[in-house]
Amino acid sequence: MNKVFDKAAFKEKLDEQTTFPALYMFKFIVPKGKEDEVKRLLPNNQITFKASAKGTYISATIKAMMKDSEAIIKVYEEASKIEGIISL
């Protein structure tokens, strides 16, 4: 995540509000051309891309079955390695 990320607080919130396994929706915004990097985060899952009005950014929504909060956090940690990504 691009801002300061409190992993423990996020994990606690996920565990309190979610019964695992659960279908989780990830939302990201990336510069155009980074779509393949986003696809590699969760291959073989439902993903939707939508270009911004000017076409310089792409929003990505990925729905994936997640086994626990740690799996979700791992995806966000891997996503943070993509240059220019914004995690929503």
Protein backbone atom coordinates (compact mmCIF):
# COMPACT_ATOMS: atom_id res chain seq x y z
CA MET A 1 0.00 0.00 0.00
CA ASN A 2 1.27 3.46 -0.79
CA LYS A 3 0.56 5.10 2.54
CA VAL A 4 1.76 3.93 5.93
CA PHE A 5 0.31 0.46 6.32
CA ASP A 6 -0.61 -0.85 9.77
CA LYS A 7 -0.54 -4.56 8.99
CA ALA A 8 -1.68 -5.65 12.46
CA ALA A 9 -4.69 -3.33 12.49
CA PHE A 10 -5.70 -4.34 8.97
CA LYS A 11 -5.37 -8.05 9.82
CA GLU A 12 -7.45 -7.57 12.96
CA LYS A 13 -10.18 -5.75 11.02
CA LEU A 14 -10.25 -8.44 8.31
CA ASP A 15 -10.48 -11.22 10.91
CA GLU A 16 -13.29 -9.44 12.78
CA GLN A 17 -15.38 -8.68 9.69
CA THR A 18 -14.78 -11.69 7.46
CA THR A 19 -15.54 -15.39 7.67
CA PHE A 20 -12.84 -17.26 5.75
CA PRO A 21 -12.55 -18.61 3.16
CA ALA A 22 -14.17 -15.59 1.51
CA LEU A 23 -14.56 -13.95 -1.87
CA TYR A 24 -12.52 -10.75 -1.57
CA MET A 25 -12.52 -7.80 -3.97
CA PHE A 26 -9.22 -6.04 -4.61
CA LYS A 27 -9.23 -2.62 -6.30
CA PHE A 28 -6.16 -0.99 -7.78
CA ILE A 29 -5.32 1.94 -10.03
CA VAL A 30 -2.20 1.62 -12.18
CA PRO A 31 -0.54 3.58 -14.97
CA LYS A 32 -1.48 2.31 -18.42
CA GLY A 33 0.79 -0.58 -19.43
CA LYS A 34 0.93 -2.16 -15.96
CA GLU A 35 -2.09 -4.42 -16.50
CA ASP A 36 0.00 -7.58 -16.89
CA GLU A 37 1.74 -6.93 -13.58
CA VAL A 38 -1.65 -6.64 -11.88
CA LYS A 39 -2.86 -9.85 -13.57
CA ARG A 40 0.14 -11.72 -12.12
CA LEU A 41 -0.96 -10.85 -8.56
CA LEU A 42 -3.91 -13.24 -8.78
CA PRO A 43 -3.76 -15.35 -11.92
CA ASN A 44 -6.85 -17.34 -12.89
CA ASN A 45 -9.25 -15.00 -11.09
CA GLN A 46 -11.99 -12.72 -12.32
CA ILE A 47 -10.45 -9.35 -13.26
CA THR A 48 -12.00 -6.25 -14.79
CA PHE A 49 -10.02 -3.36 -16.26
CA LYS A 50 -11.37 0.08 -17.04
CA ALA A 51 -9.40 2.95 -18.57
CA SER A 52 -9.56 6.45 -17.09
CA ALA A 53 -11.17 9.24 -19.11
CA LYS A 54 -7.80 10.30 -20.55
CA GLY A 55 -6.56 6.72 -20.81
CA THR A 56 -3.43 7.29 -18.74
CA TYR A 57 -4.58 5.12 -15.83
CA ILE A 58 -6.34 1.79 -15.58
CA SER A 59 -8.56 0.70 -12.71
CA ALA A 60 -8.46 -2.99 -11.90
CA THR A 61 -10.96 -4.97 -9.88
CA ILE A 62 -10.07 -8.54 -8.98
CA LYS A 63 -12.37 -10.97 -7.21
CA ALA A 64 -10.57 -13.89 -5.61
CA MET A 65 -11.36 -16.55 -3.05
CA MET A 66 -9.01 -15.94 -0.12
CA LYS A 67 -8.26 -18.54 2.55
CA ASP A 68 -7.39 -16.08 5.34
CA SER A 69 -6.38 -12.51 6.18
CA GLU A 70 -2.69 -13.30 5.71
CA ALA A 71 -3.34 -14.25 2.07
CA ILE A 72 -5.05 -10.90 1.48
CA ILE A 73 -2.20 -8.98 3.10
CA LYS A 74 0.32 -10.87 0.99
CA VAL A 75 -1.45 -9.74 -2.20
CA TYR A 76 -1.33 -6.10 -1.06
CA GLU A 77 2.36 -6.46 -0.17
CA GLU A 78 3.12 -7.88 -3.64
CA ALA A 79 1.00 -5.16 -5.27
CA SER A 80 3.01 -2.47 -3.52
CA LYS A 81 6.02 -3.54 -5.60
CA ILE A 82 4.29 -2.40 -8.81
CA GLU A 83 5.52 1.06 -9.72
CA GLY A 84 2.76 3.68 -9.59
CA ILE A 85 0.07 1.43 -8.13
CA ILE A 86 -2.63 2.79 -5.86
CA SER A 87 -4.44 0.26 -3.68
CA LEU A 88 -8.01 1.15 -2.76
